[in-house]
């Protein structure tokens, strides 16, 4: 186990990012989950799109500042950190973090991990829950909910979600409604969920359900999963990737200029 009191962080793109490997990240979250205390931690995973949005969205940046753990999701972020002499050890993507956490509890055997799936389209979380139970006997899906579009703008809808999660007595919420919505909502409502950890992990529920296919492992290892996702979801991602491809290099140049 790692020492959770030790915080190894770098500052990159005006946010603090934890210098942790996947193994270290899982162990830290595992310690929170195995504790009897409820601290309402939430975890965020910055990728290129997050970095671009953080540049102009003050509320998004404030949500990031309230996160207990910030781990880099994407090779461009990790590569930039190495080029600027503030190296992050590796990519810790949300879609890999969740299965790795489930594996941790599969081997831990101390007690089952109780999970709430929050997000995805109606019916998707049910498929994800079935796949989780088939693959990880130590993980129990104790609740799931697909929020209506615009739920984050309604206090009544948000409090209803808080009630559902609290009544389920989940250890961890797998939260997948996309950024910056999931991070902003977590910042505002984390303390009302009565859960130990919220993982803001985008399309992970869809991946767990088999609704969206992950890139082959070799593609992920060479940092090209973004291209695989663009090819499988061009209508949804093309505009975002085009904007990110224009703005992100400018932000990298600014970081480089400040350093040198």
C-alpha atoms as a PDB file:
ATOM      1  CA  UNK A   1       0.000   0.000   0.000  1.00  0.00           C
ATOM      2  CA  UNK A   2       1.130   3.542  -0.692  1.00  0.00           C
ATOM      3  CA  UNK A   3       1.113   6.284   1.871  1.00  0.00           C
ATOM      4  CA  UNK A   4      -2.019   8.325   1.224  1.00  0.00           C
ATOM      5  CA  UNK A   5      -0.584  11.250   3.165  1.00  0.00           C
ATOM      6  CA  UNK A   6       2.090  11.725   0.524  1.00  0.00           C
ATOM      7  CA  UNK A   7       0.957  13.992  -2.286  1.00  0.00           C
ATOM      8  CA  UNK A   8       3.182  13.971  -5.359  1.00  0.00           C
ATOM      9  CA  UNK A   9       1.814  16.630  -7.676  1.00  0.00           C
ATOM     10  CA  UNK A  10       2.913  18.760 -10.578  1.00  0.00           C
ATOM     11  CA  UNK A  11       1.349  21.952 -11.877  1.00  0.00           C
ATOM     12  CA  UNK A  12       0.551  21.788 -15.583  1.00  0.00           C
ATOM     13  CA  UNK A  13      -1.834  23.989 -17.563  1.00  0.00           C
ATOM     14  CA  UNK A  14      -2.604  25.796 -14.287  1.00  0.00           C
ATOM     15  CA  UNK A  15      -4.007  22.698 -12.595  1.00  0.00           C
ATOM     16  CA  UNK A  16      -2.401  20.308 -10.110  1.00  0.00           C
ATOM     17  CA  UNK A  17      -2.052  16.719 -11.359  1.00  0.00           C
ATOM     18  CA  UNK A  18      -1.060  13.761  -9.192  1.00  0.00           C
ATOM     19  CA  UNK A  19       2.136  11.957 -10.252  1.00  0.00           C
ATOM     20  CA  UNK A  20       0.715   8.476  -9.808  1.00  0.00           C
ATOM     21  CA  UNK A  21       0.825   5.242 -11.759  1.00  0.00           C
ATOM     22  CA  UNK A  22      -2.339   3.236 -12.330  1.00  0.00           C
ATOM     23  CA  UNK A  23      -1.318   0.865  -9.517  1.00  0.00           C
ATOM     24  CA  UNK A  24      -0.732   3.718  -7.086  1.00  0.00           C
ATOM     25  CA  UNK A  25      -4.027   5.363  -8.053  1.00  0.00           C
ATOM     26  CA  UNK A  26      -5.981   2.160  -7.494  1.00  0.00           C
ATOM     27  CA  UNK A  27      -4.291   1.589  -4.134  1.00  0.00           C
ATOM     28  CA  UNK A  28      -5.069   5.095  -2.954  1.00  0.00           C
ATOM     29  CA  UNK A  29      -8.726   4.849  -3.951  1.00  0.00           C
ATOM     30  CA  UNK A  30      -8.827   1.338  -2.483  1.00  0.00           C
ATOM     31  CA  UNK A  31      -7.687   2.671   0.891  1.00  0.00           C
ATOM     32  CA  UNK A  32     -10.434   5.281   0.854  1.00  0.00           C
ATOM     33  CA  UNK A  33     -13.003   2.615   0.008  1.00  0.00           C
ATOM     34  CA  UNK A  34     -11.803   0.167   2.654  1.00  0.00           C
ATOM     35  CA  UNK A  35     -11.902   2.849   5.315  1.00  0.00           C
ATOM     36  CA  UNK A  36     -14.931   3.062   7.583  1.00  0.00           C
ATOM     37  CA  UNK A  37     -14.976   6.843   7.146  1.00  0.00           C
ATOM     38  CA  UNK A  38     -16.905   8.750   4.485  1.00  0.00           C
ATOM     39  CA  UNK A  39     -14.902  11.654   3.055  1.00  0.00           C
ATOM     40  CA  UNK A  40     -16.870  12.324  -0.167  1.00  0.00           C
ATOM     41  CA  UNK A  41     -13.808  12.155  -2.420  1.00  0.00           C
ATOM     42  CA  UNK A  42     -14.228  12.747  -6.127  1.00  0.00           C
ATOM     43  CA  UNK A  43     -11.704  11.876  -8.799  1.00  0.00           C
ATOM     44  CA  UNK A  44     -11.195  13.635 -12.143  1.00  0.00           C
ATOM     45  CA  UNK A  45      -9.178  12.560 -15.175  1.00  0.00           C
ATOM     46  CA  UNK A  46      -7.958  15.425 -17.392  1.00  0.00           C
ATOM     47  CA  UNK A  47      -7.533  14.750 -21.087  1.00  0.00           C
ATOM     48  CA  UNK A  48      -6.898  17.178 -23.948  1.00  0.00           C
ATOM     49  CA  UNK A  49     -10.545  18.217 -24.149  1.00  0.00           C
ATOM     50  CA  UNK A  50     -10.612  18.923 -20.405  1.00  0.00           C
ATOM     51  CA  UNK A  51      -7.433  21.012 -20.656  1.00  0.00           C
ATOM     52  CA  UNK A  52      -8.928  23.089 -23.460  1.00  0.00           C
ATOM     53  CA  UNK A  53     -12.165  23.654 -21.526  1.00  0.00           C
ATOM     54  CA  UNK A  54     -10.357  24.396 -18.267  1.00  0.00           C
ATOM     55  CA  UNK A  55      -8.600  27.242 -20.036  1.00  0.00           C
ATOM     56  CA  UNK A  56     -11.863  29.184 -20.432  1.00  0.00           C
ATOM     57  CA  UNK A  57     -14.314  27.684 -17.920  1.00  0.00           C
ATOM     58  CA  UNK A  58     -13.764  29.113 -14.435  1.00  0.00           C
ATOM     59  CA  UNK A  59     -16.378  26.881 -12.777  1.00  0.00           C
ATOM     60  CA  UNK A  60     -14.810  23.801 -14.332  1.00  0.00           C
ATOM     61  CA  UNK A  61     -11.437  24.827 -12.937  1.00  0.00           C
ATOM     62  CA  UNK A  62     -12.983  25.337  -9.495  1.00  0.00           C
ATOM     63  CA  UNK A  63     -14.453  21.836  -9.681  1.00  0.00           C
ATOM     64  CA  UNK A  64     -10.981  20.511 -10.470  1.00  0.00           C
ATOM     65  CA  UNK A  65      -9.509  22.340  -7.483  1.00  0.00           C
ATOM     66  CA  UNK A  66     -11.963  20.506  -5.207  1.00  0.00           C
ATOM     67  CA  UNK A  67     -11.055  17.043  -6.469  1.00  0.00           C
ATOM     68  CA  UNK A  68      -9.202  14.680  -4.141  1.00  0.00           C
ATOM     69  CA  UNK A  69      -7.336  13.068  -7.008  1.00  0.00           C
ATOM     70  CA  UNK A  70      -6.423  14.343 -10.491  1.00  0.00           C
ATOM     71  CA  UNK A  71      -4.853  11.764 -12.822  1.00  0.00           C
ATOM     72  CA  UNK A  72      -3.895  12.242 -16.461  1.00  0.00           C
ATOM     73  CA  UNK A  73      -6.162  10.610 -19.047  1.00  0.00           C
ATOM     74  CA  UNK A  74      -4.380  10.744 -22.378  1.00  0.00           C
ATOM     75  CA  UNK A  75      -0.907  10.515 -23.889  1.00  0.00           C
ATOM     76  CA  UNK A  76      -0.786  14.175 -25.039  1.00  0.00           C
ATOM     77  CA  UNK A  77      -1.012  15.343 -21.420  1.00  0.00           C
ATOM     78  CA  UNK A  78       1.610  12.849 -20.234  1.00  0.00           C
ATOM     79  CA  UNK A  79       3.921  13.600 -23.164  1.00  0.00           C
ATOM     80  CA  UNK A  80       3.672  17.349 -22.528  1.00  0.00           C
ATOM     81  CA  UNK A  81       4.600  16.812 -18.878  1.00  0.00           C
ATOM     82  CA  UNK A  82       7.732  14.911 -19.913  1.00  0.00           C
ATOM     83  CA  UNK A  83       8.749  17.505 -22.510  1.00  0.00           C
ATOM     84  CA  UNK A  84       8.451  20.260 -19.896  1.00  0.00           C
ATOM     85  CA  UNK A  85      10.489  18.394 -17.289  1.00  0.00           C
ATOM     86  CA  UNK A  86       7.566  17.699 -14.952  1.00  0.00           C
ATOM     87  CA  UNK A  87       6.973  14.069 -15.874  1.00  0.00           C
ATOM     88  CA  UNK A  88       3.816  12.154 -15.124  1.00  0.00           C
ATOM     89  CA  UNK A  89       4.580   8.418 -14.908  1.00  0.00           C
ATOM     90  CA  UNK A  90       1.837   7.107 -17.181  1.00  0.00           C
ATOM     91  CA  UNK A  91      -1.693   7.491 -18.485  1.00  0.00           C
ATOM     92  CA  UNK A  92      -4.424   6.726 -15.945  1.00  0.00           C
ATOM     93  CA  UNK A  93      -7.599   6.767 -18.008  1.00  0.00           C
ATOM     94  CA  UNK A  94     -10.990   6.530 -16.355  1.00  0.00           C
ATOM     95  CA  UNK A  95     -12.056   3.676 -18.616  1.00  0.00           C
ATOM     96  CA  UNK A  96      -9.040   1.634 -17.450  1.00  0.00           C
ATOM     97  CA  UNK A  97      -9.148   2.819 -13.848  1.00  0.00           C
ATOM     98  CA  UNK A  98     -12.596   1.390 -13.111  1.00  0.00           C
ATOM     99  CA  UNK A  99     -11.831  -2.208 -14.208  1.00  0.00           C
ATOM    100  CA  UNK A 100      -8.461  -1.978 -12.420  1.00  0.00           C
ATOM    101  CA  UNK A 101     -10.273  -0.958  -9.233  1.00  0.00           C
ATOM    102  CA  UNK A 102     -12.675  -3.879  -9.633  1.00  0.00           C
ATOM    103  CA  UNK A 103      -9.689  -6.218 -10.078  1.00  0.00           C
ATOM    104  CA  UNK A 104      -8.177  -4.807  -6.884  1.00  0.00           C
ATOM    105  CA  UNK A 105     -11.277  -5.738  -4.891  1.00  0.00           C
ATOM    106  CA  UNK A 106     -11.493  -9.112  -6.615  1.00  0.00           C
ATOM    107  CA  UNK A 107      -8.089  -9.926  -5.133  1.00  0.00           C
ATOM    108  CA  UNK A 108      -8.594  -8.009  -1.874  1.00  0.00           C
ATOM    109  CA  UNK A 109     -11.369 -10.399  -0.732  1.00  0.00           C
ATOM    110  CA  UNK A 110     -11.853  -8.400   2.478  1.00  0.00           C
ATOM    111  CA  UNK A 111     -15.355  -7.268   1.621  1.00  0.00           C
ATOM    112  CA  UNK A 112     -17.399  -6.669  -1.512  1.00  0.00           C
ATOM    113  CA  UNK A 113     -17.245  -3.307  -3.258  1.00  0.00           C
ATOM    114  CA  UNK A 114     -20.685  -1.704  -3.517  1.00  0.00           C
ATOM    115  CA  UNK A 115     -21.104   0.309  -6.703  1.00  0.00           C
ATOM    116  CA  UNK A 116     -23.683   2.772  -8.010  1.00  0.00           C
ATOM    117  CA  UNK A 117     -23.767   3.338 -11.782  1.00  0.00           C
ATOM    118  CA  UNK A 118     -24.858   6.898 -12.550  1.00  0.00           C
ATOM    119  CA  UNK A 119     -25.118   7.868 -16.201  1.00  0.00           C
ATOM    120  CA  UNK A 120     -25.396   6.467 -19.740  1.00  0.00           C
ATOM    121  CA  UNK A 121     -28.602   6.063 -21.723  1.00  0.00           C
ATOM    122  CA  UNK A 122     -31.583   4.105 -20.314  1.00  0.00           C
ATOM    123  CA  UNK A 123     -30.905   0.375 -20.288  1.00  0.00           C
ATOM    124  CA  UNK A 124     -27.130   0.694 -20.676  1.00  0.00           C
ATOM    125  CA  UNK A 125     -26.328   0.640 -16.969  1.00  0.00           C
ATOM    126  CA  UNK A 126     -28.347  -2.570 -16.586  1.00  0.00           C
ATOM    127  CA  UNK A 127     -26.136  -4.239 -19.210  1.00  0.00           C
ATOM    128  CA  UNK A 128     -23.039  -2.889 -17.487  1.00  0.00           C
ATOM    129  CA  UNK A 129     -24.260  -4.244 -14.143  1.00  0.00           C
ATOM    130  CA  UNK A 130     -24.772  -7.716 -15.612  1.00  0.00           C
ATOM    131  CA  UNK A 131     -21.280  -7.702 -17.123  1.00  0.00           C
ATOM    132  CA  UNK A 132     -19.764  -6.508 -13.841  1.00  0.00           C
ATOM    133  CA  UNK A 133     -21.442  -9.285 -11.877  1.00  0.00           C
ATOM    134  CA  UNK A 134     -20.311 -11.853 -14.471  1.00  0.00           C
ATOM    135  CA  UNK A 135     -16.673 -10.750 -14.300  1.00  0.00           C
ATOM    136  CA  UNK A 136     -16.125  -9.541 -10.718  1.00  0.00           C
ATOM    137  CA  UNK A 137     -17.816 -11.566  -7.977  1.00  0.00           C
ATOM    138  CA  UNK A 138     -16.517  -9.165  -5.306  1.00  0.00           C
ATOM    139  CA  UNK A 139     -18.245  -6.162  -6.925  1.00  0.00           C
ATOM    140  CA  UNK A 140     -21.923  -5.566  -6.218  1.00  0.00           C
ATOM    141  CA  UNK A 141     -23.937  -3.057  -8.233  1.00  0.00           C
ATOM    142  CA  UNK A 142     -26.355  -1.790  -5.585  1.00  0.00           C
ATOM    143  CA  UNK A 143     -27.994   0.908  -7.674  1.00  0.00           C
ATOM    144  CA  UNK A 144     -28.153   2.520 -11.088  1.00  0.00           C
ATOM    145  CA  UNK A 145     -29.791   5.540 -12.626  1.00  0.00           C
ATOM    146  CA  UNK A 146     -29.859   7.249 -16.013  1.00  0.00           C
ATOM    147  CA  UNK A 147     -30.457  10.991 -15.399  1.00  0.00           C
ATOM    148  CA  UNK A 148     -32.678  12.983 -17.717  1.00  0.00           C
ATOM    149  CA  UNK A 149     -31.073  15.504 -20.016  1.00  0.00           C
ATOM    150  CA  UNK A 150     -30.535  18.766 -18.123  1.00  0.00           C
ATOM    151  CA  UNK A 151     -30.765  17.144 -14.689  1.00  0.00           C
ATOM    152  CA  UNK A 152     -27.808  19.182 -13.476  1.00  0.00           C
ATOM    153  CA  UNK A 153     -29.862  22.389 -13.851  1.00  0.00           C
ATOM    154  CA  UNK A 154     -32.610  21.109 -11.556  1.00  0.00           C
ATOM    155  CA  UNK A 155     -32.049  21.096  -7.813  1.00  0.00           C
ATOM    156  CA  UNK A 156     -35.021  18.753  -7.384  1.00  0.00           C
ATOM    157  CA  UNK A 157     -33.630  16.233  -9.868  1.00  0.00           C
ATOM    158  CA  UNK A 158     -30.172  16.485  -8.326  1.00  0.00           C
ATOM    159  CA  UNK A 159     -31.440  15.947  -4.789  1.00  0.00           C
ATOM    160  CA  UNK A 160     -33.419  12.944  -6.025  1.00  0.00           C
ATOM    161  CA  UNK A 161     -30.169  11.432  -7.313  1.00  0.00           C
ATOM    162  CA  UNK A 162     -28.493  12.153  -3.974  1.00  0.00           C
ATOM    163  CA  UNK A 163     -31.319  10.332  -2.222  1.00  0.00           C
ATOM    164  CA  UNK A 164     -31.045   7.302  -4.526  1.00  0.00           C
ATOM    165  CA  UNK A 165     -27.296   7.003  -3.982  1.00  0.00           C
ATOM    166  CA  UNK A 166     -27.550   7.519  -0.222  1.00  0.00           C
ATOM    167  CA  UNK A 167     -30.276   4.892   0.149  1.00  0.00           C
ATOM    168  CA  UNK A 168     -28.223   2.409  -1.897  1.00  0.00           C
ATOM    169  CA  UNK A 169     -25.332   2.760   0.577  1.00  0.00           C
ATOM    170  CA  UNK A 170     -22.814   2.554  -2.261  1.00  0.00           C
ATOM    171  CA  UNK A 171     -19.082   2.787  -1.597  1.00  0.00           C
ATOM    172  CA  UNK A 172     -18.323   4.301  -4.977  1.00  0.00           C
ATOM    173  CA  UNK A 173     -20.289   6.062  -7.704  1.00  0.00           C
ATOM    174  CA  UNK A 174     -19.214   5.426 -11.299  1.00  0.00           C
ATOM    175  CA  UNK A 175     -20.335   8.741 -12.788  1.00  0.00           C
ATOM    176  CA  UNK A 176     -20.526   8.980 -16.547  1.00  0.00           C
ATOM    177  CA  UNK A 177     -22.418  11.926 -18.021  1.00  0.00           C
ATOM    178  CA  UNK A 178     -19.502  13.677 -19.719  1.00  0.00           C
ATOM    179  CA  UNK A 179     -17.344  16.660 -18.871  1.00  0.00           C
ATOM    180  CA  UNK A 180     -17.653  19.261 -17.534  1.00  0.00           C
ATOM    181  CA  UNK A 181     -21.125  18.274 -16.320  1.00  0.00           C
ATOM    182  CA  UNK A 182     -19.994  15.373 -14.118  1.00  0.00           C
ATOM    183  CA  UNK A 183     -17.202  17.367 -12.461  1.00  0.00           C
ATOM    184  CA  UNK A 184     -19.350  20.454 -11.813  1.00  0.00           C
ATOM    185  CA  UNK A 185     -22.136  18.317 -10.350  1.00  0.00           C
ATOM    186  CA  UNK A 186     -19.719  16.374  -8.149  1.00  0.00           C
ATOM    187  CA  UNK A 187     -18.254  19.586  -6.777  1.00  0.00           C
ATOM    188  CA  UNK A 188     -21.730  20.777  -5.775  1.00  0.00           C
ATOM    189  CA  UNK A 189     -23.331  17.565  -4.513  1.00  0.00           C
ATOM    190  CA  UNK A 190     -20.535  15.206  -3.391  1.00  0.00           C
ATOM    191  CA  UNK A 191     -21.185  15.826   0.311  1.00  0.00           C
ATOM    192  CA  UNK A 192     -24.862  14.937  -0.068  1.00  0.00           C
ATOM    193  CA  UNK A 193     -24.334  11.531  -1.668  1.00  0.00           C
ATOM    194  CA  UNK A 194     -23.246   9.693   1.503  1.00  0.00           C
ATOM    195  CA  UNK A 195     -20.665   7.742  -0.492  1.00  0.00           C
ATOM    196  CA  UNK A 196     -16.903   7.434  -0.158  1.00  0.00           C
ATOM    197  CA  UNK A 197     -15.732   8.080  -3.720  1.00  0.00           C
ATOM    198  CA  UNK A 198     -17.136   9.459  -6.966  1.00  0.00           C
ATOM    199  CA  UNK A 199     -15.236   8.575 -10.123  1.00  0.00           C
ATOM    200  CA  UNK A 200     -15.907  11.049 -12.950  1.00  0.00           C
ATOM    201  CA  UNK A 201     -15.167   8.738 -15.858  1.00  0.00           C
ATOM    202  CA  UNK A 202     -17.156   9.737 -18.943  1.00  0.00           C
ATOM    203  CA  UNK A 203     -18.119   6.843 -21.239  1.00  0.00           C
ATOM    204  CA  UNK A 204     -16.906   4.086 -18.904  1.00  0.00           C
ATOM    205  CA  UNK A 205     -20.410   2.725 -18.216  1.00  0.00           C
ATOM    206  CA  UNK A 206     -20.918   2.373 -21.979  1.00  0.00           C
ATOM    207  CA  UNK A 207     -17.631   0.458 -22.236  1.00  0.00           C
ATOM    208  CA  UNK A 208     -18.582  -1.814 -19.335  1.00  0.00           C
ATOM    209  CA  UNK A 209     -21.922  -2.492 -21.022  1.00  0.00           C
ATOM    210  CA  UNK A 210     -20.281  -3.294 -24.352  1.00  0.00           C
ATOM    211  CA  UNK A 211     -22.230  -0.466 -26.003  1.00  0.00           C
ATOM    212  CA  UNK A 212     -18.990   1.157 -27.151  1.00  0.00           C
ATOM    213  CA  UNK A 213     -15.896  -0.776 -28.149  1.00  0.00           C
ATOM    214  CA  UNK A 214     -12.519   0.088 -26.653  1.00  0.00           C
ATOM    215  CA  UNK A 215      -9.569   0.409 -28.984  1.00  0.00           C
ATOM    216  CA  UNK A 216      -7.321  -2.693 -29.126  1.00  0.00           C
ATOM    217  CA  UNK A 217      -4.673  -2.727 -26.413  1.00  0.00           C
ATOM    218  CA  UNK A 218      -1.826  -2.090 -28.849  1.00  0.00           C
ATOM    219  CA  UNK A 219      -3.624   1.039 -30.094  1.00  0.00           C
ATOM    220  CA  UNK A 220      -4.011   2.286 -26.517  1.00  0.00           C
ATOM    221  CA  UNK A 221      -0.356   1.602 -25.750  1.00  0.00           C
ATOM    222  CA  UNK A 222       0.844   3.789 -28.622  1.00  0.00           C
ATOM    223  CA  UNK A 223      -1.464   6.614 -27.553  1.00  0.00           C
ATOM    224  CA  UNK A 224      -3.853   6.434 -30.501  1.00  0.00           C
ATOM    225  CA  UNK A 225      -7.116   5.557 -28.765  1.00  0.00           C
ATOM    226  CA  UNK A 226      -8.409   9.041 -29.624  1.00  0.00           C
ATOM    227  CA  UNK A 227      -8.208   8.133 -33.343  1.00  0.00           C
ATOM    228  CA  UNK A 228     -10.115   4.907 -32.750  1.00  0.00           C
ATOM    229  CA  UNK A 229     -12.853   6.820 -30.939  1.00  0.00           C
ATOM    230  CA  UNK A 230     -13.002   9.449 -33.695  1.00  0.00           C
ATOM    231  CA  UNK A 231     -13.447   6.729 -36.316  1.00  0.00           C
ATOM    232  CA  UNK A 232     -16.217   5.016 -34.337  1.00  0.00           C
ATOM    233  CA  UNK A 233     -18.066   8.232 -33.332  1.00  0.00           C
ATOM    234  CA  UNK A 234     -17.225  10.822 -36.023  1.00  0.00           C
ATOM    235  CA  UNK A 235     -20.428  12.863 -35.763  1.00  0.00           C
ATOM    236  CA  UNK A 236     -20.112  13.348 -32.008  1.00  0.00           C
ATOM    237  CA  UNK A 237     -16.359  13.835 -31.751  1.00  0.00           C
ATOM    238  CA  UNK A 238     -15.140  15.425 -35.007  1.00  0.00           C
ATOM    239  CA  UNK A 239     -15.923  19.025 -34.043  1.00  0.00           C
ATOM    240  CA  UNK A 240     -14.518  18.596 -30.521  1.00  0.00           C
ATOM    241  CA  UNK A 241     -11.301  17.051 -31.772  1.00  0.00           C
ATOM    242  CA  UNK A 242     -10.895  19.742 -34.419  1.00  0.00           C
ATOM    243  CA  UNK A 243     -11.185  22.520 -31.816  1.00  0.00           C
ATOM    244  CA  UNK A 244      -8.891  20.684 -29.396  1.00  0.00           C
ATOM    245  CA  UNK A 245      -6.295  20.111 -32.133  1.00  0.00           C
ATOM    246  CA  UNK A 246      -6.159  23.853 -32.747  1.00  0.00           C
ATOM    247  CA  UNK A 247      -6.145  25.114 -29.143  1.00  0.00           C
ATOM    248  CA  UNK A 248      -4.124  22.468 -27.293  1.00  0.00           C
ATOM    249  CA  UNK A 249      -0.812  23.140 -29.130  1.00  0.00           C
ATOM    250  CA  UNK A 250      -1.199  26.827 -28.295  1.00  0.00           C
ATOM    251  CA  UNK A 251      -1.575  25.975 -24.609  1.00  0.00           C
ATOM    252  CA  UNK A 252       1.461  23.688 -24.787  1.00  0.00           C
ATOM    253  CA  UNK A 253       3.498  26.479 -26.359  1.00  0.00           C
ATOM    254  CA  UNK A 254       2.474  28.851 -23.562  1.00  0.00           C
ATOM    255  CA  UNK A 255       3.587  26.297 -20.971  1.00  0.00           C
ATOM    256  CA  UNK A 256       6.902  25.879 -22.779  1.00  0.00           C
ATOM    257  CA  UNK A 257       7.392  29.653 -23.056  1.00  0.00           C
ATOM    258  CA  UNK A 258       6.770  30.143 -19.324  1.00  0.00           C
ATOM    259  CA  UNK A 259       9.305  27.437 -18.492  1.00  0.00           C
ATOM    260  CA  UNK A 260      12.059  28.580 -20.843  1.00  0.00           C
END
